[in-house]
Structures are given as C-alpha cells and as structure tokens.
Amino acid sequence: MIRTTITCDRDDCLALYLPDVDAGADVLERAARALGWQRLTATSHACPGCVRGAGPVLERGECPRCCGATFDRNDGAVCHYCGHINPHPADDFDLD
C-alpha cells in the first residue's frame, strides 16, 4: 500500500509523519499540525523537533510524531528530538 506522509524540509532532517490510516491531504495536514508539525510554504513542512529548536532528527526510531529515536524513562519512551512521551504499555514490567 502507498501511504501519504509528511517529511521535514530542514537540511539533514530525517523526520517524517506516518499516519495510522490513509487519509486525504487536508486530513493529514490537520493531524500533523495537531502533533506539532508546521507548514513553512505550500509544499514544505518543519517537524516538531525543528520547530522547538531540538532538531534536526538525525536518527530514526519509534516516535509516533516525528519517527525520531527514543529513550526509556519510567513514565514512557521519550523522543530525543520533539520531546513526545509515549507511555509504556500496561503489561510492560521491564522498568519497574
């Protein structure tokens, strides 16, 4: 399946937004904006990490907002770039 994505247009940034469902461009744009993505021009975007000054994303990982690398804390997986905290699943006992 081919799915529409949004990429960050800052130099050397590997960030991208991969939606959970295939949606139209207007729905995708609204969803990305709600997650911290910013439209720069009609065809370019900046990821949440670059918007907050912590980018560019240099290493991809599991962040649902920018696909940046994450590290584990007790409260969840934290993105190195955009700072998003993805809570650990209820059955994850590794961090107790």
Protein backbone atom coordinates (compact mmCIF):
# COMPACT_ATOMS: atom_id res chain seq x y z
CA MET A 1 0.00 0.00 0.00
CA ILE A 2 1.19 3.50 -0.78
CA ARG A 3 0.50 5.97 2.01
CA THR A 4 0.88 9.74 2.02
CA THR A 5 3.43 11.05 4.54
CA ILE A 6 4.84 14.41 5.56
CA THR A 7 8.61 14.95 5.71
CA CYS A 8 10.60 17.71 7.35
CA ASP A 9 12.25 20.00 4.83
CA ARG A 10 15.05 21.26 7.07
CA ASP A 11 18.50 20.30 5.80
CA ASP A 12 19.68 16.89 7.05
CA CYS A 13 16.46 16.17 8.99
CA LEU A 14 15.13 12.61 8.74
CA ALA A 15 11.79 13.30 10.45
CA LEU A 16 8.57 12.11 8.91
CA TYR A 17 4.97 11.78 9.93
CA LEU A 18 3.42 8.41 9.12
CA PRO A 19 -0.31 8.47 9.83
CA ASP A 20 -2.06 5.39 11.21
CA VAL A 21 -4.64 5.47 8.44
CA ASP A 22 -4.60 6.54 4.82
CA ALA A 23 -6.32 9.90 4.66
CA GLY A 24 -6.74 12.79 2.28
CA ALA A 25 -4.22 15.60 2.19
CA ASP A 26 -6.39 18.02 4.19
CA VAL A 27 -6.99 15.48 6.98
CA LEU A 28 -3.30 14.57 7.04
CA GLU A 29 -2.33 18.25 7.25
CA ARG A 30 -4.68 18.90 10.21
CA ALA A 31 -3.47 15.79 12.05
CA ALA A 32 0.19 16.73 11.57
CA ARG A 33 -0.44 20.30 12.74
CA ALA A 34 -2.13 18.96 15.90
CA LEU A 35 1.05 16.96 16.62
CA GLY A 36 3.34 19.99 16.31
CA TRP A 37 4.26 19.98 12.61
CA GLN A 38 4.37 23.41 11.00
CA ARG A 39 3.76 24.34 7.38
CA LEU A 40 6.58 26.51 6.02
CA THR A 41 5.36 27.02 2.46
CA ALA A 42 2.69 25.44 0.30
CA THR A 43 4.87 22.37 -0.20
CA SER A 44 7.24 22.25 2.78
CA HIS A 45 6.98 21.44 6.48
CA ALA A 46 9.04 21.54 9.68
CA CYS A 47 8.89 18.70 12.21
CA PRO A 48 8.10 19.27 15.91
CA GLY A 49 11.80 18.87 16.81
CA CYS A 50 12.92 21.55 14.37
CA VAL A 51 10.05 23.84 15.42
CA ARG A 52 11.11 23.65 19.08
CA GLY A 53 14.80 24.01 18.21
CA ALA A 54 15.87 20.47 19.16
CA GLY A 55 16.18 19.14 15.60
CA PRO A 56 17.11 18.09 13.07
CA VAL A 57 16.21 14.42 13.56
CA LEU A 58 19.46 12.58 12.95
CA GLU A 59 18.39 9.07 13.95
CA ARG A 60 15.04 7.44 13.23
CA GLY A 61 13.25 5.45 15.89
CA GLU A 62 9.77 4.83 17.24
CA CYS A 63 8.38 8.30 17.99
CA PRO A 64 4.82 8.47 16.60
CA ARG A 65 5.13 12.22 15.97
CA CYS A 66 8.41 12.50 14.08
CA CYS A 67 9.86 8.96 13.81
CA GLY A 68 12.83 10.11 15.90
CA ALA A 69 14.88 7.93 18.24
CA THR A 70 13.53 7.49 21.77
CA PHE A 71 14.94 6.60 25.18
CA ASP A 72 13.14 4.89 28.06
CA ARG A 73 12.13 6.53 31.31
CA ASN A 74 9.73 5.30 33.98
CA ASP A 75 6.87 7.35 32.53
CA GLY A 76 7.40 6.18 28.93
CA ALA A 77 9.56 6.37 25.83
CA VAL A 78 10.74 9.95 25.27
CA CYS A 79 11.75 11.29 21.86
CA HIS A 80 15.22 12.84 21.77
CA TYR A 81 14.02 15.48 19.28
CA CYS A 82 10.39 16.51 19.76
CA GLY A 83 10.14 15.51 23.43
CA HIS A 84 6.95 13.48 22.97
CA ILE A 85 6.38 10.90 25.73
CA ASN A 86 4.80 7.66 24.55
CA PRO A 87 3.55 5.83 27.68
CA HIS A 88 4.69 2.25 28.20
CA PRO A 89 2.04 -0.44 27.68
CA ALA A 90 0.26 -1.58 30.84
CA ASP A 91 1.91 -5.04 30.59
CA ASP A 92 5.46 -3.67 30.27
CA PHE A 93 7.23 -4.67 33.50
CA ASP A 94 10.83 -4.06 32.37
CA LEU A 95 11.08 -0.62 34.00
CA ASP A 96 9.74 -1.39 37.47
